Each structure stands twice: as C-alpha cells, then as structure tokens.
C-alpha atoms as a PDB file:
ATOM      1  CA  UNK A   1      21.712   1.536   3.283  1.00  0.00           C
ATOM      2  CA  UNK A   2      18.693   3.650   2.330  1.00  0.00           C
ATOM      3  CA  UNK A   3      15.344   2.370   3.539  1.00  0.00           C
ATOM      4  CA  UNK A   4      12.936   1.910   0.645  1.00  0.00           C
ATOM      5  CA  UNK A   5       9.178   2.267   1.057  1.00  0.00           C
ATOM      6  CA  UNK A   6       6.752   1.324  -1.697  1.00  0.00           C
ATOM      7  CA  UNK A   7       3.444   3.182  -1.801  1.00  0.00           C
ATOM      8  CA  UNK A   8       0.984   0.610  -3.142  1.00  0.00           C
ATOM      9  CA  UNK A   9      -1.887   2.276  -4.979  1.00  0.00           C
ATOM     10  CA  UNK A  10      -4.677  -0.230  -4.475  1.00  0.00           C
ATOM     11  CA  UNK A  11      -7.266   0.933  -7.008  1.00  0.00           C
ATOM     12  CA  UNK A  12      -7.186   0.406 -10.763  1.00  0.00           C
ATOM     13  CA  UNK A  13     -10.604   1.917 -11.499  1.00  0.00           C
ATOM     14  CA  UNK A  14     -10.747   4.602 -14.200  1.00  0.00           C
ATOM     15  CA  UNK A  15     -11.512   7.928 -12.533  1.00  0.00           C
ATOM     16  CA  UNK A  16     -10.070   6.766  -9.215  1.00  0.00           C
ATOM     17  CA  UNK A  17      -9.178   9.196  -6.464  1.00  0.00           C
ATOM     18  CA  UNK A  18      -6.324   7.070  -5.200  1.00  0.00           C
ATOM     19  CA  UNK A  19      -3.637   8.564  -7.418  1.00  0.00           C
ATOM     20  CA  UNK A  20      -4.104  11.972  -5.777  1.00  0.00           C
ATOM     21  CA  UNK A  21      -3.793  10.342  -2.365  1.00  0.00           C
ATOM     22  CA  UNK A  22      -0.719   8.301  -3.323  1.00  0.00           C
ATOM     23  CA  UNK A  23       0.979  11.411  -4.727  1.00  0.00           C
ATOM     24  CA  UNK A  24       0.258  13.201  -1.435  1.00  0.00           C
ATOM     25  CA  UNK A  25       1.753  10.307   0.539  1.00  0.00           C
ATOM     26  CA  UNK A  26       4.889  10.354  -1.617  1.00  0.00           C
ATOM     27  CA  UNK A  27       5.263  14.151  -1.424  1.00  0.00           C
ATOM     28  CA  UNK A  28       4.812  14.134   2.355  1.00  0.00           C
ATOM     29  CA  UNK A  29       7.342  11.338   2.704  1.00  0.00           C
ATOM     30  CA  UNK A  30       9.974  13.170   0.675  1.00  0.00           C
ATOM     31  CA  UNK A  31       9.396  16.389   2.645  1.00  0.00           C
ATOM     32  CA  UNK A  32       9.481  14.874   6.130  1.00  0.00           C
ATOM     33  CA  UNK A  33      11.760  11.852   5.672  1.00  0.00           C
ATOM     34  CA  UNK A  34      14.272  12.891   2.995  1.00  0.00           C
ATOM     35  CA  UNK A  35      16.653  10.084   3.968  1.00  0.00           C
ATOM     36  CA  UNK A  36      14.051   7.473   2.923  1.00  0.00           C
ATOM     37  CA  UNK A  37      13.387   6.454  -0.674  1.00  0.00           C
ATOM     38  CA  UNK A  38       9.680   6.461  -1.647  1.00  0.00           C
ATOM     39  CA  UNK A  39       8.169   5.058  -4.860  1.00  0.00           C
ATOM     40  CA  UNK A  40       4.579   4.606  -5.983  1.00  0.00           C
ATOM     41  CA  UNK A  41       3.666   1.084  -7.038  1.00  0.00           C
ATOM     42  CA  UNK A  42       0.532   1.667  -9.089  1.00  0.00           C
ATOM     43  CA  UNK A  43      -1.312  -1.610  -9.631  1.00  0.00           C
ATOM     44  CA  UNK A  44      -2.681  -0.206 -12.890  1.00  0.00           C
ATOM     45  CA  UNK A  45       0.883  -0.213 -14.269  1.00  0.00           C
ATOM     46  CA  UNK A  46       1.353  -3.939 -13.663  1.00  0.00           C
ATOM     47  CA  UNK A  47      -1.717  -5.320 -15.431  1.00  0.00           C
ATOM     48  CA  UNK A  48      -1.991  -8.374 -13.204  1.00  0.00           C
ATOM     49  CA  UNK A  49      -4.698 -10.810 -14.314  1.00  0.00           C
ATOM     50  CA  UNK A  50      -6.650 -12.837 -11.780  1.00  0.00           C
ATOM     51  CA  UNK A  51      -4.145 -15.086 -10.034  1.00  0.00           C
ATOM     52  CA  UNK A  52      -3.016 -17.528 -12.711  1.00  0.00           C
ATOM     53  CA  UNK A  53       0.098 -19.173 -11.290  1.00  0.00           C
ATOM     54  CA  UNK A  54      -0.108 -22.989 -11.171  1.00  0.00           C
ATOM     55  CA  UNK A  55       1.956 -23.209  -7.961  1.00  0.00           C
ATOM     56  CA  UNK A  56       0.961 -21.583  -4.658  1.00  0.00           C
ATOM     57  CA  UNK A  57       2.835 -18.298  -4.078  1.00  0.00           C
ATOM     58  CA  UNK A  58       4.527 -19.711  -0.961  1.00  0.00           C
ATOM     59  CA  UNK A  59       6.406 -22.128  -3.253  1.00  0.00           C
ATOM     60  CA  UNK A  60       8.099 -19.170  -4.949  1.00  0.00           C
ATOM     61  CA  UNK A  61       8.021 -20.940  -8.329  1.00  0.00           C
ATOM     62  CA  UNK A  62       6.645 -18.207 -10.547  1.00  0.00           C
ATOM     63  CA  UNK A  63       6.105 -19.027 -14.205  1.00  0.00           C
ATOM     64  CA  UNK A  64       4.405 -15.914 -15.597  1.00  0.00           C
ATOM     65  CA  UNK A  65       6.173 -12.779 -16.811  1.00  0.00           C
ATOM     66  CA  UNK A  66       3.723 -10.500 -14.988  1.00  0.00           C
ATOM     67  CA  UNK A  67       4.318 -12.346 -11.707  1.00  0.00           C
ATOM     68  CA  UNK A  68       8.081 -12.116 -12.057  1.00  0.00           C
ATOM     69  CA  UNK A  69       7.820  -8.394 -12.789  1.00  0.00           C
ATOM     70  CA  UNK A  70       5.565  -7.844  -9.745  1.00  0.00           C
ATOM     71  CA  UNK A  71       7.846  -9.997  -7.579  1.00  0.00           C
ATOM     72  CA  UNK A  72      10.899  -7.980  -8.564  1.00  0.00           C
ATOM     73  CA  UNK A  73       9.116  -4.716  -7.806  1.00  0.00           C
ATOM     74  CA  UNK A  74       7.765  -5.735  -4.388  1.00  0.00           C
ATOM     75  CA  UNK A  75      10.919  -7.589  -3.341  1.00  0.00           C
ATOM     76  CA  UNK A  76      12.969  -4.414  -3.564  1.00  0.00           C
ATOM     77  CA  UNK A  77      11.235  -2.675  -0.657  1.00  0.00           C
ATOM     78  CA  UNK A  78      11.668  -2.751   3.099  1.00  0.00           C
ATOM     79  CA  UNK A  79       8.143  -1.592   3.824  1.00  0.00           C
ATOM     80  CA  UNK A  80       4.952  -0.346   2.259  1.00  0.00           C
ATOM     81  CA  UNK A  81       2.197   2.187   2.615  1.00  0.00           C
ATOM     82  CA  UNK A  82      -1.040   0.811   1.204  1.00  0.00           C
ATOM     83  CA  UNK A  83      -3.436   3.388  -0.236  1.00  0.00           C
ATOM     84  CA  UNK A  84      -6.864   1.808  -0.451  1.00  0.00           C
ATOM     85  CA  UNK A  85     -10.450   2.823  -0.987  1.00  0.00           C
ATOM     86  CA  UNK A  86     -13.234   0.871   0.670  1.00  0.00           C
ATOM     87  CA  UNK A  87     -15.358  -1.331  -1.581  1.00  0.00           C
ATOM     88  CA  UNK A  88     -18.230  -3.101   0.186  1.00  0.00           C
ATOM     89  CA  UNK A  89     -16.519  -3.020   3.598  1.00  0.00           C
ATOM     90  CA  UNK A  90     -13.191  -4.297   2.255  1.00  0.00           C
ATOM     91  CA  UNK A  91     -10.243  -3.546   0.003  1.00  0.00           C
ATOM     92  CA  UNK A  92     -10.488  -3.688  -3.769  1.00  0.00           C
ATOM     93  CA  UNK A  93     -10.385  -6.984  -5.605  1.00  0.00           C
ATOM     94  CA  UNK A  94      -7.359  -5.701  -7.524  1.00  0.00           C
ATOM     95  CA  UNK A  95      -5.407  -5.104  -4.311  1.00  0.00           C
ATOM     96  CA  UNK A  96      -6.309  -8.477  -2.801  1.00  0.00           C
ATOM     97  CA  UNK A  97      -5.315 -10.189  -6.046  1.00  0.00           C
ATOM     98  CA  UNK A  98      -1.971  -8.340  -6.179  1.00  0.00           C
ATOM     99  CA  UNK A  99      -1.203  -9.281  -2.597  1.00  0.00           C
ATOM    100  CA  UNK A 100      -2.144 -12.918  -3.230  1.00  0.00           C
ATOM    101  CA  UNK A 101       0.265 -13.253  -6.181  1.00  0.00           C
ATOM    102  CA  UNK A 102       3.303 -13.204  -3.848  1.00  0.00           C
ATOM    103  CA  UNK A 103       4.400 -14.540  -0.504  1.00  0.00           C
ATOM    104  CA  UNK A 104       8.068 -14.316   0.505  1.00  0.00           C
ATOM    105  CA  UNK A 105       8.414 -10.825  -0.954  1.00  0.00           C
ATOM    106  CA  UNK A 106       6.012  -9.516   1.687  1.00  0.00           C
ATOM    107  CA  UNK A 107       7.557 -11.408   4.617  1.00  0.00           C
ATOM    108  CA  UNK A 108       9.183  -9.427   7.443  1.00  0.00           C
ATOM    109  CA  UNK A 109       8.282  -6.044   5.995  1.00  0.00           C
ATOM    110  CA  UNK A 110       6.338  -3.267   7.682  1.00  0.00           C
ATOM    111  CA  UNK A 111       3.229  -1.509   6.412  1.00  0.00           C
ATOM    112  CA  UNK A 112       1.226   1.595   7.053  1.00  0.00           C
ATOM    113  CA  UNK A 113      -2.289   2.181   5.743  1.00  0.00           C
ATOM    114  CA  UNK A 114      -4.020   5.170   4.192  1.00  0.00           C
ATOM    115  CA  UNK A 115      -7.701   4.649   3.475  1.00  0.00           C
ATOM    116  CA  UNK A 116     -10.269   6.825   1.771  1.00  0.00           C
ATOM    117  CA  UNK A 117     -14.005   6.477   1.399  1.00  0.00           C
ATOM    118  CA  UNK A 118     -17.402   7.420   2.770  1.00  0.00           C
ATOM    119  CA  UNK A 119     -16.463   5.941   6.167  1.00  0.00           C
ATOM    120  CA  UNK A 120     -12.762   6.754   5.872  1.00  0.00           C
ATOM    121  CA  UNK A 121     -12.091   3.162   4.727  1.00  0.00           C
ATOM    122  CA  UNK A 122     -11.623   2.046   8.324  1.00  0.00           C
ATOM    123  CA  UNK A 123     -13.263  -1.323   7.628  1.00  0.00           C
ATOM    124  CA  UNK A 124     -11.111  -1.861   4.536  1.00  0.00           C
ATOM    125  CA  UNK A 125      -7.969  -1.107   6.521  1.00  0.00           C
ATOM    126  CA  UNK A 126      -8.950  -3.534   9.276  1.00  0.00           C
ATOM    127  CA  UNK A 127      -9.501  -6.227   6.660  1.00  0.00           C
ATOM    128  CA  UNK A 128      -6.160  -5.376   5.051  1.00  0.00           C
ATOM    129  CA  UNK A 129      -4.415  -5.778   8.406  1.00  0.00           C
ATOM    130  CA  UNK A 130      -5.784  -9.327   8.724  1.00  0.00           C
ATOM    131  CA  UNK A 131      -4.624 -10.223   5.228  1.00  0.00           C
ATOM    132  CA  UNK A 132      -1.148  -8.806   5.764  1.00  0.00           C
ATOM    133  CA  UNK A 133      -0.693 -10.593   9.086  1.00  0.00           C
ATOM    134  CA  UNK A 134      -0.876 -13.934   7.255  1.00  0.00           C
ATOM    135  CA  UNK A 135       2.027 -12.768   5.079  1.00  0.00           C
ATOM    136  CA  UNK A 136       4.221 -11.805   8.066  1.00  0.00           C
ATOM    137  CA  UNK A 137       3.797  -8.089   7.456  1.00  0.00           C
ATOM    138  CA  UNK A 138       3.917  -5.932  10.576  1.00  0.00           C
ATOM    139  CA  UNK A 139       1.269  -3.236  10.233  1.00  0.00           C
ATOM    140  CA  UNK A 140       1.784  -0.110  12.298  1.00  0.00           C
ATOM    141  CA  UNK A 141      -0.881   1.077  14.701  1.00  0.00           C
ATOM    142  CA  UNK A 142      -1.459   4.549  13.264  1.00  0.00           C
ATOM    143  CA  UNK A 143      -3.492   4.999  10.080  1.00  0.00           C
ATOM    144  CA  UNK A 144      -4.908   7.766   7.939  1.00  0.00           C
ATOM    145  CA  UNK A 145      -8.675   7.734   7.333  1.00  0.00           C
ATOM    146  CA  UNK A 146      -9.786  10.174   4.648  1.00  0.00           C
ATOM    147  CA  UNK A 147     -13.443  11.031   4.158  1.00  0.00           C
ATOM    148  CA  UNK A 148     -14.949  11.605   0.736  1.00  0.00           C
ATOM    149  CA  UNK A 149     -17.071  14.305   2.374  1.00  0.00           C
ATOM    150  CA  UNK A 150     -14.410  16.193   4.323  1.00  0.00           C
ATOM    151  CA  UNK A 151     -11.167  15.585   2.448  1.00  0.00           C
ATOM    152  CA  UNK A 152     -12.225  15.829  -1.189  1.00  0.00           C
ATOM    153  CA  UNK A 153     -14.066  18.504  -3.111  1.00  0.00           C
ATOM    154  CA  UNK A 154     -16.470  16.573  -5.343  1.00  0.00           C
ATOM    155  CA  UNK A 155     -19.037  18.382  -7.427  1.00  0.00           C
ATOM    156  CA  UNK A 156     -19.816  15.449  -9.713  1.00  0.00           C
ATOM    157  CA  UNK A 157     -19.657  11.975  -8.068  1.00  0.00           C
ATOM    158  CA  UNK A 158     -18.716  10.409 -11.412  1.00  0.00           C
ATOM    159  CA  UNK A 159     -15.477  12.452 -11.470  1.00  0.00           C
ATOM    160  CA  UNK A 160     -12.482  12.267  -9.109  1.00  0.00           C
ATOM    161  CA  UNK A 161     -12.831  15.864  -7.923  1.00  0.00           C
ATOM    162  CA  UNK A 162     -10.014  17.519  -6.005  1.00  0.00           C
ATOM    163  CA  UNK A 163      -8.105  16.149  -3.033  1.00  0.00           C
ATOM    164  CA  UNK A 164      -8.304  18.704  -0.211  1.00  0.00           C
ATOM    165  CA  UNK A 165      -7.190  16.905   2.966  1.00  0.00           C
ATOM    166  CA  UNK A 166      -7.797  18.529   6.324  1.00  0.00           C
ATOM    167  CA  UNK A 167      -4.602  19.803   7.940  1.00  0.00           C
ATOM    168  CA  UNK A 168      -4.515  17.225  10.746  1.00  0.00           C
ATOM    169  CA  UNK A 169      -4.156  14.369   8.255  1.00  0.00           C
ATOM    170  CA  UNK A 170      -0.635  15.401   7.317  1.00  0.00           C
ATOM    171  CA  UNK A 171       0.472  15.095  10.951  1.00  0.00           C
ATOM    172  CA  UNK A 172      -1.074  11.645  11.140  1.00  0.00           C
ATOM    173  CA  UNK A 173       0.502  10.622   7.849  1.00  0.00           C
ATOM    174  CA  UNK A 174       3.944  11.674   9.069  1.00  0.00           C
ATOM    175  CA  UNK A 175       3.410   9.454  12.116  1.00  0.00           C
ATOM    176  CA  UNK A 176       2.376   6.547   9.872  1.00  0.00           C
ATOM    177  CA  UNK A 177       5.446   7.025   7.679  1.00  0.00           C
ATOM    178  CA  UNK A 178       7.836   7.304  10.627  1.00  0.00           C
ATOM    179  CA  UNK A 179       6.385   4.207  12.300  1.00  0.00           C
ATOM    180  CA  UNK A 180       6.549   2.247   9.044  1.00  0.00           C
ATOM    181  CA  UNK A 181      10.193   3.177   8.520  1.00  0.00           C
ATOM    182  CA  UNK A 182      11.097   2.366  12.141  1.00  0.00           C
ATOM    183  CA  UNK A 183       9.468  -1.060  11.944  1.00  0.00           C
ATOM    184  CA  UNK A 184      10.962  -1.756   8.508  1.00  0.00           C
ATOM    185  CA  UNK A 185      14.413  -0.984   9.861  1.00  0.00           C
ATOM    186  CA  UNK A 186      13.826  -3.076  12.995  1.00  0.00           C
ATOM    187  CA  UNK A 187      12.863  -6.050  10.805  1.00  0.00           C
ATOM    188  CA  UNK A 188      15.885  -5.702   8.541  1.00  0.00           C
ATOM    189  CA  UNK A 189      17.813  -8.610  10.055  1.00  0.00           C
ATOM    190  CA  UNK A 190      14.859 -11.007   9.730  1.00  0.00           C
ATOM    191  CA  UNK A 191      14.265  -9.856   6.156  1.00  0.00           C
ATOM    192  CA  UNK A 192      17.925 -10.279   5.183  1.00  0.00           C
ATOM    193  CA  UNK A 193      18.016 -13.795   6.626  1.00  0.00           C
ATOM    194  CA  UNK A 194      14.834 -14.836   4.845  1.00  0.00           C
ATOM    195  CA  UNK A 195      15.945 -13.422   1.471  1.00  0.00           C
ATOM    196  CA  UNK A 196      19.494 -14.860   1.659  1.00  0.00           C
END
C-alpha cells in the first residue's frame, strides 16, 4: 500500500508565501521519494469557519458539511508535513482552527514541520509540536526553518517575493520527509486498529 503524506499549507492570508514553500515540499518529495504519494492540503481551499461543531471533535459526531469534507481529506493520509509561518510566536489562527476541528483523523499519524518567518518560525513549530502531541501525532525531530531574509528574495514586503531557499535546506527537507514516512509506516498498525 502506498504511503500518503498530506502537506498542510497553514496560511490563508492573501499574498502568502506559504504556497511557494508547499510546492517546494511537494516537488522535493516526488523527486526523492517517488514511491510515496504527496498532496497539498491548502486550508484556503476548505473555507473552514471558526470551529462551529456543537459536539467536541473527540466525539466524532460531525454535523457540518465543511467538517465532513475536512475530515474526509485528513483521514486519508498516513502522515503530514505542516508548512507554517510564525505569527506572534505561534502558528496561524487558521491552522490552529483547522487542527481543532478534528480528533481521530490525526491520531497515530506522523508529522514533519517546515516553518518560515523572520526567526525561521522555530517558535511556531515548537508550539505546533505541543498541539499535535495532544492529538497523538508523532512529530519527527528534524525540521526546516526558512528565513525571510536568507531564503526569499523580497523587494516589497507587501508582496510575496520569490522563494530562493539556500541549498542546505533541501537536504534537511529530504531528512524530514524520510523521517515522516518512516514514522507513518511504523504507526500503520496502530492507525489501522483505531480506524477499524
């Protein structure tokens, strides 16, 4: 069975830089791990409102069309790579909200993290790790930290600019992807039992 990894694009802001980063993650994955299936899950495509389900996500009793659509998308993956900017020392509100909509769909999956920002989004990634641990997601040790100063060419700060990652980031990303796939495959039995 082919391992499926969802690349969660955690920014919905117009003019975001995250789409360039997510495309790079997907391209690198296809080039270096051709046996793995990679898809981008762009939060902007799901239009999730602020959490509006009457039952807690752990109950698994979803009543809204948008929740069911998001649940179906997330539930089809063995692991994830989260692409997140850093907003005020954390992840975006849109990403936290999307994570909070679901529970069992995240359980016993693996996740890698790719952050971008002034400080490389290291604080956002650390916060994301704490959030994911509550959902039984195994985050891998390696991470990619992209700097707005060194990995993007930005002439106008109001525009996305161009994504120009330094060469060493691709090596790190390949490590993140390999570790995520290895952990996702190691957790397969737990995941199958929980979803049965």
